[in-house]
Amino acid sequence: VQLQAFGGGLVQAGGSLRLSCVASGGTFSSGARGWFRQAPGKEREFVATIAWFGRITSYADAVKGRFAISRDNSKNTIYLQMNSLKPEDTGVYYCAVGEESLQLRDPGRAAYWGQGTLVTVSS
């Protein structure tokens, strides 16, 4: 499975961005999908996750109420709508497919990773 994330860019604080992650190739995986981010000098951290079946979602406390994860199974694509962006949201955002079906919160439980897309929020 190959994952390609795109949609990052430079945005002012308070602005919005929508990230997409398309899965292709390999054997279809029903693992949960997730978004993670990594700021310079920091470890990769969980942002949001969605089950591949059903509508179960989960968010990091730092993004609750501002970010929304969704998916389109017909397109093998997940999205991350990011609103009210803050400078501390800056980082490289990665999509991933998990080993379990319900959620992916632990980066160590990811089976596949995308290449990352850079989000920069200016103050």
Protein backbone atom coordinates (compact mmCIF):
# COMPACT_ATOMS: atom_id res chain seq x y z
CA VAL A 1 0.00 0.00 0.00
CA GLN A 2 1.31 3.41 -0.96
CA LEU A 3 -0.02 6.54 0.69
CA GLN A 4 0.30 9.99 -0.79
CA ALA A 5 -0.54 13.02 1.30
CA PHE A 6 -1.01 16.49 -0.12
CA GLY A 7 -2.70 19.79 0.60
CA GLY A 8 -0.17 21.38 2.95
CA GLY A 9 1.05 24.92 2.58
CA LEU A 10 1.56 28.27 4.26
CA VAL A 11 -1.43 29.84 5.98
CA GLN A 12 -1.95 32.65 8.45
CA ALA A 13 -3.15 31.95 11.96
CA GLY A 14 -6.92 31.54 11.99
CA GLY A 15 -6.95 30.17 8.47
CA SER A 16 -7.90 26.75 7.13
CA LEU A 17 -6.36 23.95 5.13
CA ARG A 18 -7.64 20.61 3.92
CA LEU A 19 -5.24 17.70 3.68
CA SER A 20 -5.90 14.62 1.59
CA CYS A 21 -4.30 11.19 1.64
CA VAL A 22 -4.81 8.72 -1.19
CA ALA A 23 -4.05 5.02 -0.83
CA SER A 24 -3.06 2.94 -3.83
CA GLY A 25 -1.40 -0.34 -4.75
CA GLY A 26 -0.99 -3.47 -2.69
CA THR A 27 -3.71 -5.36 -0.91
CA PHE A 28 -6.62 -3.33 0.32
CA SER A 29 -6.34 -2.72 4.03
CA SER A 30 -9.30 -2.28 6.36
CA GLY A 31 -7.11 -0.83 9.06
CA ALA A 32 -8.03 2.45 10.67
CA ARG A 33 -6.59 5.58 9.11
CA GLY A 34 -4.82 8.28 11.03
CA TRP A 35 -3.10 11.62 10.78
CA PHE A 36 0.03 12.43 12.72
CA ARG A 37 2.30 15.45 12.76
CA GLN A 38 5.87 16.20 13.60
CA ALA A 39 7.17 19.63 14.49
CA PRO A 40 10.89 20.46 14.17
CA GLY A 41 12.82 18.91 17.02
CA LYS A 42 9.82 17.05 18.37
CA GLU A 43 8.51 13.52 18.19
CA ARG A 44 5.74 12.50 15.85
CA GLU A 45 2.37 12.91 17.57
CA PHE A 46 -1.16 11.72 17.04
CA VAL A 47 -3.66 14.16 15.52
CA ALA A 48 -6.79 12.27 14.45
CA THR A 49 -8.02 8.83 13.49
CA ILE A 50 -11.04 7.27 11.80
CA ALA A 51 -12.19 3.69 11.51
CA TRP A 52 -12.31 2.42 7.95
CA PHE A 53 -15.85 1.12 8.57
CA GLY A 54 -18.41 3.09 10.51
CA ARG A 55 -17.94 6.64 11.75
CA ILE A 56 -15.75 6.22 14.79
CA THR A 57 -13.33 9.11 15.12
CA SER A 58 -10.90 10.29 17.77
CA TYR A 59 -8.82 13.46 18.13
CA ALA A 60 -5.90 14.76 20.09
CA ASP A 61 -7.00 17.27 22.72
CA ALA A 62 -4.98 20.00 21.01
CA VAL A 63 -7.10 19.84 17.85
CA LYS A 64 -10.57 18.93 19.15
CA GLY A 65 -13.21 21.28 17.82
CA ARG A 66 -10.89 22.65 15.12
CA PHE A 67 -9.94 19.64 13.00
CA ALA A 68 -12.19 17.07 11.36
CA ILE A 69 -11.15 13.76 9.84
CA SER A 70 -13.27 12.09 7.20
CA ARG A 71 -12.95 9.43 4.54
CA ASP A 72 -14.25 8.41 1.14
CA ASN A 73 -13.92 4.65 0.81
CA SER A 74 -14.79 4.72 -2.88
CA LYS A 75 -11.70 6.85 -3.49
CA ASN A 76 -9.48 5.19 -0.85
CA THR A 77 -8.96 8.68 0.49
CA ILE A 78 -9.00 10.30 3.91
CA TYR A 79 -9.16 14.01 4.62
CA LEU A 80 -8.19 16.32 7.44
CA GLN A 81 -10.05 19.59 7.52
CA MET A 82 -8.09 22.02 9.68
CA ASN A 83 -9.76 25.22 10.82
CA SER A 84 -8.71 28.00 13.18
CA LEU A 85 -5.10 27.08 12.64
CA LYS A 86 -2.50 28.16 15.17
CA PRO A 87 1.27 28.56 14.85
CA GLU A 88 1.69 25.52 17.08
CA ASP A 89 -0.05 23.42 14.40
CA THR A 90 3.02 23.88 12.22
CA GLY A 91 4.73 20.66 11.21
CA VAL A 92 4.90 17.86 8.70
CA TYR A 93 1.62 15.99 8.59
CA TYR A 94 1.65 12.27 7.86
CA CYS A 95 -1.18 9.91 7.06
CA ALA A 96 -1.00 6.28 8.06
CA VAL A 97 -2.88 3.01 7.95
CA GLY A 98 -3.10 1.06 11.17
CA GLU A 99 -2.92 -2.61 12.03
CA GLU A 100 -6.26 -2.48 13.85
CA SER A 101 -9.59 -1.52 12.36
CA LEU A 102 -11.10 0.85 14.93
CA GLN A 103 -8.46 3.47 15.55
CA LEU A 104 -4.83 4.40 15.10
CA ARG A 105 -3.47 6.59 17.88
CA ASP A 106 -0.05 5.02 18.44
CA PRO A 107 2.42 5.66 15.62
CA GLY A 108 4.07 2.36 16.54
CA ARG A 109 0.93 0.54 15.42
CA ALA A 110 0.95 1.98 11.90
CA ALA A 111 1.47 -0.50 9.08
CA TYR A 112 1.96 2.07 6.30
CA TRP A 113 3.01 5.71 6.18
CA GLY A 114 2.62 8.46 3.65
CA GLN A 115 5.48 10.78 2.75
CA GLY A 116 4.19 13.78 4.68
CA THR A 117 3.04 17.24 3.71
CA LEU A 118 4.30 20.44 5.33
CA VAL A 119 1.89 22.78 7.07
CA THR A 120 3.22 26.16 8.16
CA VAL A 121 1.04 28.53 10.17
CA SER A 122 2.33 32.06 10.49
CA SER A 123 1.40 34.34 13.37
